[in-house]
Amino acid sequence: MNTHNPSRYEIRLQGRLHERWAVWFDDMTISAEPDGVTLLRGDVADQAALHGLLTRLRDLGLPLISVTPVDPTEGSTLGIGVDP
């Protein structure tokens, strides 16, 4: 992650993120997948912002499935996932 441009991430959670919490993640696209997974995708300013985002998700009690950097120019994952 560089300090000049935000990095894009795809974060998968087990369960559904209730609409009322969407304001916590206003810079992220939130979608519900048919298998019960919630997908958050968007730009994160830096490592501190990523940690803050993950802390908010932890506080909501939804199990983290993965955090994956995404290539913003191609829209595809970079193949580096963090699976708990």
PDB file of N, CA and C in Angstrom:
ATOM      1  N   MET A   1       0.860  -1.162   0.000  1.00  0.00           N
ATOM      2  CA  MET A   1       0.000   0.000   0.000  1.00  0.00           C
ATOM      3  C   MET A   1       0.905   1.224   0.000  1.00  0.00           C
ATOM      4  N   ASN A   2       0.663   2.155  -0.930  1.00  0.00           N
ATOM      5  CA  ASN A   2       1.485   3.349  -0.946  1.00  0.00           C
ATOM      6  C   ASN A   2       0.795   4.475  -0.191  1.00  0.00           C
ATOM      7  N   THR A   3       1.540   5.560   0.031  1.00  0.00           N
ATOM      8  CA  THR A   3       0.991   6.648   0.833  1.00  0.00           C
ATOM      9  C   THR A   3       0.304   7.717   0.002  1.00  0.00           C
ATOM     10  N   HIS A   4       0.376   7.623  -1.328  1.00  0.00           N
ATOM     11  CA  HIS A   4      -0.170   8.665  -2.188  1.00  0.00           C
ATOM     12  C   HIS A   4      -1.561   8.347  -2.721  1.00  0.00           C
ATOM     13  N   ASN A   5      -1.808   7.119  -3.013  1.00  0.00           N
ATOM     14  CA  ASN A   5      -3.098   6.715  -3.565  1.00  0.00           C
ATOM     15  C   ASN A   5      -3.735   5.663  -2.669  1.00  0.00           C
ATOM     16  N   PRO A   6      -5.046   5.716  -2.546  1.00  0.00           N
ATOM     17  CA  PRO A   6      -5.705   4.670  -1.758  1.00  0.00           C
ATOM     18  C   PRO A   6      -5.576   3.317  -2.451  1.00  0.00           C
ATOM     19  N   SER A   7      -5.651   2.272  -1.680  1.00  0.00           N
ATOM     20  CA  SER A   7      -5.651   0.917  -2.218  1.00  0.00           C
ATOM     21  C   SER A   7      -7.073   0.393  -2.180  1.00  0.00           C
ATOM     22  N   ARG A   8      -7.401  -0.451  -3.127  1.00  0.00           N
ATOM     23  CA  ARG A   8      -8.739  -1.027  -3.196  1.00  0.00           C
ATOM     24  C   ARG A   8      -8.717  -2.419  -2.567  1.00  0.00           C
ATOM     25  N   TYR A   9      -9.769  -2.705  -1.786  1.00  0.00           N
ATOM     26  CA  TYR A   9      -9.887  -3.994  -1.108  1.00  0.00           C
ATOM     27  C   TYR A   9     -11.265  -4.594  -1.322  1.00  0.00           C
ATOM     28  N   GLU A  10     -11.293  -5.913  -1.246  1.00  0.00           N
ATOM     29  CA  GLU A  10     -12.539  -6.675  -1.237  1.00  0.00           C
ATOM     30  C   GLU A  10     -12.545  -7.431   0.087  1.00  0.00           C
ATOM     31  N   ILE A  11     -13.585  -7.202   0.882  1.00  0.00           N
ATOM     32  CA  ILE A  11     -13.687  -7.815   2.206  1.00  0.00           C
ATOM     33  C   ILE A  11     -14.948  -8.664   2.247  1.00  0.00           C
ATOM     34  N   ARG A  12     -14.782  -9.930   2.602  1.00  0.00           N
ATOM     35  CA  ARG A  12     -15.917 -10.859   2.681  1.00  0.00           C
ATOM     36  C   ARG A  12     -16.213 -11.182   4.138  1.00  0.00           C
ATOM     37  N   LEU A  13     -17.512 -11.135   4.461  1.00  0.00           N
ATOM     38  CA  LEU A  13     -17.985 -11.414   5.815  1.00  0.00           C
ATOM     39  C   LEU A  13     -19.037 -12.508   5.761  1.00  0.00           C
ATOM     40  N   GLN A  14     -19.062 -13.359   6.773  1.00  0.00           N
ATOM     41  CA  GLN A  14     -20.120 -14.359   6.868  1.00  0.00           C
ATOM     42  C   GLN A  14     -21.324 -13.707   7.517  1.00  0.00           C
ATOM     43  N   GLY A  15     -22.440 -13.713   6.836  1.00  0.00           N
ATOM     44  CA  GLY A  15     -23.657 -13.110   7.362  1.00  0.00           C
ATOM     45  C   GLY A  15     -24.018 -11.843   6.611  1.00  0.00           C
ATOM     46  N   ARG A  16     -25.116 -11.251   7.027  1.00  0.00           N
ATOM     47  CA  ARG A  16     -25.635 -10.049   6.368  1.00  0.00           C
ATOM     48  C   ARG A  16     -25.347  -8.813   7.204  1.00  0.00           C
ATOM     49  N   LEU A  17     -24.884  -7.775   6.540  1.00  0.00           N
ATOM     50  CA  LEU A  17     -24.659  -6.485   7.177  1.00  0.00           C
ATOM     51  C   LEU A  17     -25.960  -5.701   7.100  1.00  0.00           C
ATOM     52  N   HIS A  18     -26.546  -5.397   8.246  1.00  0.00           N
ATOM     53  CA  HIS A  18     -27.821  -4.680   8.289  1.00  0.00           C
ATOM     54  C   HIS A  18     -27.660  -3.292   7.681  1.00  0.00           C
ATOM     55  N   GLU A  19     -28.698  -2.838   6.998  1.00  0.00           N
ATOM     56  CA  GLU A  19     -28.675  -1.539   6.309  1.00  0.00           C
ATOM     57  C   GLU A  19     -28.291  -0.383   7.226  1.00  0.00           C
ATOM     58  N   ARG A  20     -28.690  -0.446   8.487  1.00  0.00           N
ATOM     59  CA  ARG A  20     -28.415   0.679   9.389  1.00  0.00           C
ATOM     60  C   ARG A  20     -26.919   0.897   9.612  1.00  0.00           C
ATOM     61  N   TRP A  21     -26.096  -0.121   9.364  1.00  0.00           N
ATOM     62  CA  TRP A  21     -24.657   0.014   9.551  1.00  0.00           C
ATOM     63  C   TRP A  21     -23.956   0.493   8.289  1.00  0.00           C
ATOM     64  N   ALA A  22     -24.661   0.592   7.195  1.00  0.00           N
ATOM     65  CA  ALA A  22     -24.043   0.984   5.926  1.00  0.00           C
ATOM     66  C   ALA A  22     -23.377   2.356   6.001  1.00  0.00           C
ATOM     67  N   VAL A  23     -23.888   3.262   6.841  1.00  0.00           N
ATOM     68  CA  VAL A  23     -23.286   4.593   6.962  1.00  0.00           C
ATOM     69  C   VAL A  23     -21.857   4.523   7.512  1.00  0.00           C
ATOM     70  N   TRP A  24     -21.544   3.468   8.260  1.00  0.00           N
ATOM     71  CA  TRP A  24     -20.177   3.284   8.754  1.00  0.00           C
ATOM     72  C   TRP A  24     -19.207   3.010   7.610  1.00  0.00           C
ATOM     73  N   PHE A  25     -19.747   2.537   6.495  1.00  0.00           N
ATOM     74  CA  PHE A  25     -18.917   2.097   5.376  1.00  0.00           C
ATOM     75  C   PHE A  25     -19.318   2.823   4.096  1.00  0.00           C
ATOM     76  N   ASP A  26     -19.584   4.137   4.209  1.00  0.00           N
ATOM     77  CA  ASP A  26     -20.152   4.893   3.095  1.00  0.00           C
ATOM     78  C   ASP A  26     -19.259   4.949   1.864  1.00  0.00           C
ATOM     79  N   ASP A  27     -17.962   4.746   1.998  1.00  0.00           N
ATOM     80  CA  ASP A  27     -17.079   4.749   0.839  1.00  0.00           C
ATOM     81  C   ASP A  27     -16.949   3.366   0.205  1.00  0.00           C
ATOM     82  N   MET A  28     -17.614   2.390   0.773  1.00  0.00           N
ATOM     83  CA  MET A  28     -17.526   1.021   0.272  1.00  0.00           C
ATOM     84  C   MET A  28     -18.826   0.629  -0.425  1.00  0.00           C
ATOM     85  N   THR A  29     -18.695  -0.198  -1.446  1.00  0.00           N
ATOM     86  CA  THR A  29     -19.857  -0.809  -2.070  1.00  0.00           C
ATOM     87  C   THR A  29     -20.176  -2.062  -1.266  1.00  0.00           C
ATOM     88  N   ILE A  30     -21.424  -2.207  -0.853  1.00  0.00           N
ATOM     89  CA  ILE A  30     -21.834  -3.353  -0.043  1.00  0.00           C
ATOM     90  C   ILE A  30     -22.838  -4.165  -0.837  1.00  0.00           C
ATOM     91  N   SER A  31     -22.566  -5.460  -0.964  1.00  0.00           N
ATOM     92  CA  SER A  31     -23.509  -6.326  -1.668  1.00  0.00           C
ATOM     93  C   SER A  31     -23.664  -7.637  -0.908  1.00  0.00           C
ATOM     94  N   ALA A  32     -24.863  -8.184  -0.996  1.00  0.00           N
ATOM     95  CA  ALA A  32     -25.175  -9.465  -0.359  1.00  0.00           C
ATOM     96  C   ALA A  32     -25.133 -10.548  -1.426  1.00  0.00           C
ATOM     97  N   GLU A  33     -24.369 -11.585  -1.165  1.00  0.00           N
ATOM     98  CA  GLU A  33     -24.281 -12.702  -2.090  1.00  0.00           C
ATOM     99  C   GLU A  33     -25.294 -13.768  -1.684  1.00  0.00           C
ATOM    100  N   PRO A  34     -25.721 -14.590  -2.630  1.00  0.00           N
ATOM    101  CA  PRO A  34     -26.767 -15.583  -2.343  1.00  0.00           C
ATOM    102  C   PRO A  34     -26.398 -16.604  -1.266  1.00  0.00           C
ATOM    103  N   ASP A  35     -25.104 -16.818  -1.048  1.00  0.00           N
ATOM    104  CA  ASP A  35     -24.676 -17.832  -0.080  1.00  0.00           C
ATOM    105  C   ASP A  35     -24.574 -17.304   1.353  1.00  0.00           C
ATOM    106  N   GLY A  36     -25.137 -16.105   1.609  1.00  0.00           N
ATOM    107  CA  GLY A  36     -25.121 -15.554   2.955  1.00  0.00           C
ATOM    108  C   GLY A  36     -23.885 -14.734   3.278  1.00  0.00           C
ATOM    109  N   VAL A  37     -23.087 -14.444   2.281  1.00  0.00           N
ATOM    110  CA  VAL A  37     -21.869 -13.659   2.460  1.00  0.00           C
ATOM    111  C   VAL A  37     -22.145 -12.208   2.098  1.00  0.00           C
ATOM    112  N   THR A  38     -21.586 -11.281   2.885  1.00  0.00           N
ATOM    113  CA  THR A  38     -21.626  -9.858   2.549  1.00  0.00           C
ATOM    114  C   THR A  38     -20.270  -9.483   1.980  1.00  0.00           C
ATOM    115  N   LEU A  39     -20.288  -8.752   0.873  1.00  0.00           N
ATOM    116  CA  LEU A  39     -19.070  -8.314   0.203  1.00  0.00           C
ATOM    117  C   LEU A  39     -18.970  -6.799   0.284  1.00  0.00           C
ATOM    118  N   LEU A  40     -17.869  -6.303   0.831  1.00  0.00           N
ATOM    119  CA  LEU A  40     -17.563  -4.873   0.846  1.00  0.00           C
ATOM    120  C   LEU A  40     -16.403  -4.669  -0.110  1.00  0.00           C
ATOM    121  N   ARG A  41     -16.525  -3.647  -0.946  1.00  0.00           N
ATOM    122  CA  ARG A  41     -15.470  -3.394  -1.916  1.00  0.00           C
ATOM    123  C   ARG A  41     -15.284  -1.894  -2.060  1.00  0.00           C
ATOM    124  N   GLY A  42     -14.044  -1.440  -2.005  1.00  0.00           N
ATOM    125  CA  GLY A  42     -13.791  -0.021  -2.183  1.00  0.00           C
ATOM    126  C   GLY A  42     -12.375   0.369  -1.825  1.00  0.00           C
ATOM    127  N   ASP A  43     -12.126   1.667  -1.932  1.00  0.00           N
ATOM    128  CA  ASP A  43     -10.804   2.216  -1.666  1.00  0.00           C
ATOM    129  C   ASP A  43     -10.612   2.469  -0.175  1.00  0.00           C
ATOM    130  N   VAL A  44      -9.402   2.196   0.288  1.00  0.00           N
ATOM    131  CA  VAL A  44      -9.019   2.427   1.677  1.00  0.00           C
ATOM    132  C   VAL A  44      -7.770   3.308   1.646  1.00  0.00           C
ATOM    133  N   ALA A  45      -7.800   4.404   2.380  1.00  0.00           N
ATOM    134  CA  ALA A  45      -6.750   5.425   2.295  1.00  0.00           C
ATOM    135  C   ALA A  45      -5.358   4.909   2.661  1.00  0.00           C
ATOM    136  N   ASP A  46      -5.265   4.128   3.738  1.00  0.00           N
ATOM    137  CA  ASP A  46      -3.960   3.670   4.215  1.00  0.00           C
ATOM    138  C   ASP A  46      -4.161   2.532   5.213  1.00  0.00           C
ATOM    139  N   GLN A  47      -3.058   2.048   5.789  1.00  0.00           N
ATOM    140  CA  GLN A  47      -3.135   0.932   6.736  1.00  0.00           C
ATOM    141  C   GLN A  47      -3.969   1.278   7.961  1.00  0.00           C
ATOM    142  N   ALA A  48      -3.858   2.504   8.447  1.00  0.00           N
ATOM    143  CA  ALA A  48      -4.652   2.909   9.615  1.00  0.00           C
ATOM    144  C   ALA A  48      -6.141   2.850   9.297  1.00  0.00           C
ATOM    145  N   ALA A  49      -6.522   3.288   8.108  1.00  0.00           N
ATOM    146  CA  ALA A  49      -7.931   3.239   7.704  1.00  0.00           C
ATOM    147  C   ALA A  49      -8.400   1.795   7.553  1.00  0.00           C
ATOM    148  N   LEU A  50      -7.541   0.925   7.032  1.00  0.00           N
ATOM    149  CA  LEU A  50      -7.896  -0.491   6.899  1.00  0.00           C
ATOM    150  C   LEU A  50      -8.112  -1.113   8.277  1.00  0.00           C
ATOM    151  N   HIS A  51      -7.229  -0.821   9.210  1.00  0.00           N
ATOM    152  CA  HIS A  51      -7.390  -1.354  10.573  1.00  0.00           C
ATOM    153  C   HIS A  51      -8.666  -0.820  11.220  1.00  0.00           C
ATOM    154  N   GLY A  52      -8.971   0.448  10.999  1.00  0.00           N
ATOM    155  CA  GLY A  52     -10.205   1.025  11.532  1.00  0.00           C
ATOM    156  C   GLY A  52     -11.436   0.350  10.962  1.00  0.00           C
ATOM    157  N   LEU A  53     -11.404   0.081   9.663  1.00  0.00           N
ATOM    158  CA  LEU A  53     -12.509  -0.607   8.997  1.00  0.00           C
ATOM    159  C   LEU A  53     -12.688  -2.012   9.561  1.00  0.00           C
ATOM    160  N   LEU A  54     -11.588  -2.723   9.731  1.00  0.00           N
ATOM    161  CA  LEU A  54     -11.659  -4.078  10.280  1.00  0.00           C
ATOM    162  C   LEU A  54     -12.133  -4.072  11.733  1.00  0.00           C
ATOM    163  N   THR A  55     -11.772  -3.052  12.483  1.00  0.00           N
ATOM    164  CA  THR A  55     -12.241  -2.926  13.868  1.00  0.00           C
ATOM    165  C   THR A  55     -13.751  -2.727  13.903  1.00  0.00           C
ATOM    166  N   ARG A  56     -14.266  -1.899  13.017  1.00  0.00           N
ATOM    167  CA  ARG A  56     -15.721  -1.695  12.952  1.00  0.00           C
ATOM    168  C   ARG A  56     -16.434  -2.997  12.616  1.00  0.00           C
ATOM    169  N   LEU A  57     -15.886  -3.736  11.673  1.00  0.00           N
ATOM    170  CA  LEU A  57     -16.500  -5.015  11.296  1.00  0.00           C
ATOM    171  C   LEU A  57     -16.459  -5.994  12.463  1.00  0.00           C
ATOM    172  N   ARG A  58     -15.355  -6.026  13.178  1.00  0.00           N
ATOM    173  CA  ARG A  58     -15.252  -6.893  14.358  1.00  0.00           C
ATOM    174  C   ARG A  58     -16.313  -6.528  15.386  1.00  0.00           C
ATOM    175  N   ASP A  59     -16.500  -5.225  15.595  1.00  0.00           N
ATOM    176  CA  ASP A  59     -17.470  -4.758  16.581  1.00  0.00           C
ATOM    177  C   ASP A  59     -18.900  -5.150  16.219  1.00  0.00           C
ATOM    178  N   LEU A  60     -19.165  -5.363  14.937  1.00  0.00           N
ATOM    179  CA  LEU A  60     -20.501  -5.789  14.508  1.00  0.00           C
ATOM    180  C   LEU A  60     -20.717  -7.285  14.704  1.00  0.00           C
ATOM    181  N   GLY A  61     -19.642  -8.023  14.949  1.00  0.00           N
ATOM    182  CA  GLY A  61     -19.767  -9.442  15.246  1.00  0.00           C
ATOM    183  C   GLY A  61     -19.924 -10.350  14.040  1.00  0.00           C
ATOM    184  N   LEU A  62     -19.691  -9.833  12.840  1.00  0.00           N
ATOM    185  CA  LEU A  62     -19.771 -10.688  11.656  1.00  0.00           C
ATOM    186  C   LEU A  62     -18.412 -11.337  11.411  1.00  0.00           C
ATOM    187  N   PRO A  63     -18.370 -12.666  11.274  1.00  0.00           N
ATOM    188  CA  PRO A  63     -17.088 -13.334  11.056  1.00  0.00           C
ATOM    189  C   PRO A  63     -16.435 -12.889   9.743  1.00  0.00           C
ATOM    190  N   LEU A  64     -15.150 -12.597   9.820  1.00  0.00           N
ATOM    191  CA  LEU A  64     -14.361 -12.195   8.666  1.00  0.00           C
ATOM    192  C   LEU A  64     -13.960 -13.437   7.886  1.00  0.00           C
ATOM    193  N   ILE A  65     -14.248 -13.445   6.594  1.00  0.00           N
ATOM    194  CA  ILE A  65     -13.843 -14.558   5.732  1.00  0.00           C
ATOM    195  C   ILE A  65     -12.516 -14.241   5.061  1.00  0.00           C
ATOM    196  N   SER A  66     -12.420 -13.049   4.448  1.00  0.00           N
ATOM    197  CA  SER A  66     -11.179 -12.698   3.763  1.00  0.00           C
ATOM    198  C   SER A  66     -11.061 -11.198   3.548  1.00  0.00           C
ATOM    199  N   VAL A  67      -9.818 -10.756   3.409  1.00  0.00           N
ATOM    200  CA  VAL A  67      -9.479  -9.388   3.031  1.00  0.00           C
ATOM    201  C   VAL A  67      -8.518  -9.527   1.854  1.00  0.00           C
ATOM    202  N   THR A  68      -8.917  -9.011   0.692  1.00  0.00           N
ATOM    203  CA  THR A  68      -8.130  -9.208  -0.513  1.00  0.00           C
ATOM    204  C   THR A  68      -7.865  -7.889  -1.217  1.00  0.00           C
ATOM    205  N   PRO A  69      -6.589  -7.561  -1.474  1.00  0.00           N
ATOM    206  CA  PRO A  69      -6.302  -6.373  -2.276  1.00  0.00           C
ATOM    207  C   PRO A  69      -6.792  -6.591  -3.703  1.00  0.00           C
ATOM    208  N   VAL A  70      -7.305  -5.529  -4.314  1.00  0.00           N
ATOM    209  CA  VAL A  70      -7.841  -5.603  -5.671  1.00  0.00           C
ATOM    210  C   VAL A  70      -7.077  -4.616  -6.539  1.00  0.00           C
ATOM    211  N   ASP A  71      -6.739  -5.034  -7.744  1.00  0.00           N
ATOM    212  CA  ASP A  71      -6.079  -4.149  -8.699  1.00  0.00           C
ATOM    213  C   ASP A  71      -7.108  -3.154  -9.216  1.00  0.00           C
ATOM    214  N   PRO A  72      -6.982  -1.865  -8.882  1.00  0.00           N
ATOM    215  CA  PRO A  72      -8.005  -0.885  -9.274  1.00  0.00           C
ATOM    216  C   PRO A  72      -8.087  -0.661 -10.777  1.00  0.00           C
ATOM    217  N   THR A  73      -7.027  -0.969 -11.516  1.00  0.00           N
ATOM    218  CA  THR A  73      -7.054  -0.762 -12.961  1.00  0.00           C
ATOM    219  C   THR A  73      -7.759  -1.889 -13.691  1.00  0.00           C
ATOM    220  N   GLU A  74      -7.766  -3.065 -13.098  1.00  0.00           N
ATOM    221  CA  GLU A  74      -8.384  -4.212 -13.747  1.00  0.00           C
ATOM    222  C   GLU A  74      -9.641  -4.685 -13.044  1.00  0.00           C
ATOM    223  N   GLY A  75      -9.813  -4.307 -11.786  1.00  0.00           N
ATOM    224  CA  GLY A  75     -10.973  -4.758 -11.030  1.00  0.00           C
ATOM    225  C   GLY A  75     -10.874  -6.195 -10.572  1.00  0.00           C
ATOM    226  N   SER A  76      -9.690  -6.789 -10.705  1.00  0.00           N
ATOM    227  CA  SER A  76      -9.531  -8.171 -10.275  1.00  0.00           C
ATOM    228  C   SER A  76      -8.666  -8.223  -9.025  1.00  0.00           C
ATOM    229  N   THR A  77      -8.796  -9.312  -8.287  1.00  0.00           N
ATOM    230  CA  THR A  77      -7.997  -9.449  -7.076  1.00  0.00           C
ATOM    231  C   THR A  77      -6.541  -9.677  -7.446  1.00  0.00           C
ATOM    232  N   LEU A  78      -5.655  -9.310  -6.553  1.00  0.00           N
ATOM    233  CA  LEU A  78      -4.227  -9.453  -6.790  1.00  0.00           C
ATOM    234  C   LEU A  78      -3.699 -10.811  -6.358  1.00  0.00           C
ATOM    235  N   GLY A  79      -4.573 -11.672  -5.889  1.00  0.00           N
ATOM    236  CA  GLY A  79      -4.153 -13.008  -5.503  1.00  0.00           C
ATOM    237  C   GLY A  79      -3.522 -13.089  -4.125  1.00  0.00           C
ATOM    238  N   ILE A  80      -3.662 -12.030  -3.338  1.00  0.00           N
ATOM    239  CA  ILE A  80      -3.118 -12.026  -1.982  1.00  0.00           C
ATOM    240  C   ILE A  80      -4.289 -11.901  -1.030  1.00  0.00           C
ATOM    241  N   GLY A  81      -4.719 -12.986  -0.451  1.00  0.00           N
ATOM    242  CA  GLY A  81      -5.844 -12.944   0.468  1.00  0.00           C
ATOM    243  C   GLY A  81      -5.392 -13.214   1.885  1.00  0.00           C
ATOM    244  N   VAL A  82      -6.143 -12.731   2.824  1.00  0.00           N
ATOM    245  CA  VAL A  82      -5.880 -13.013   4.231  1.00  0.00           C
ATOM    246  C   VAL A  82      -7.095 -13.755   4.743  1.00  0.00           C
ATOM    247  N   ASP A  83      -6.970 -15.052   4.855  1.00  0.00           N
ATOM    248  CA  ASP A  83      -8.071 -15.867   5.342  1.00  0.00           C
ATOM    249  C   ASP A  83      -7.810 -16.226   6.790  1.00  0.00           C
ATOM    250  N   PRO A  84      -8.807 -15.970   7.658  1.00  0.00           N
ATOM    251  CA  PRO A  84      -8.605 -16.305   9.073  1.00  0.00           C
ATOM    252  C   PRO A  84      -8.560 -17.795   9.297  1.00  0.00           C
TER     253      PRO A  84
END
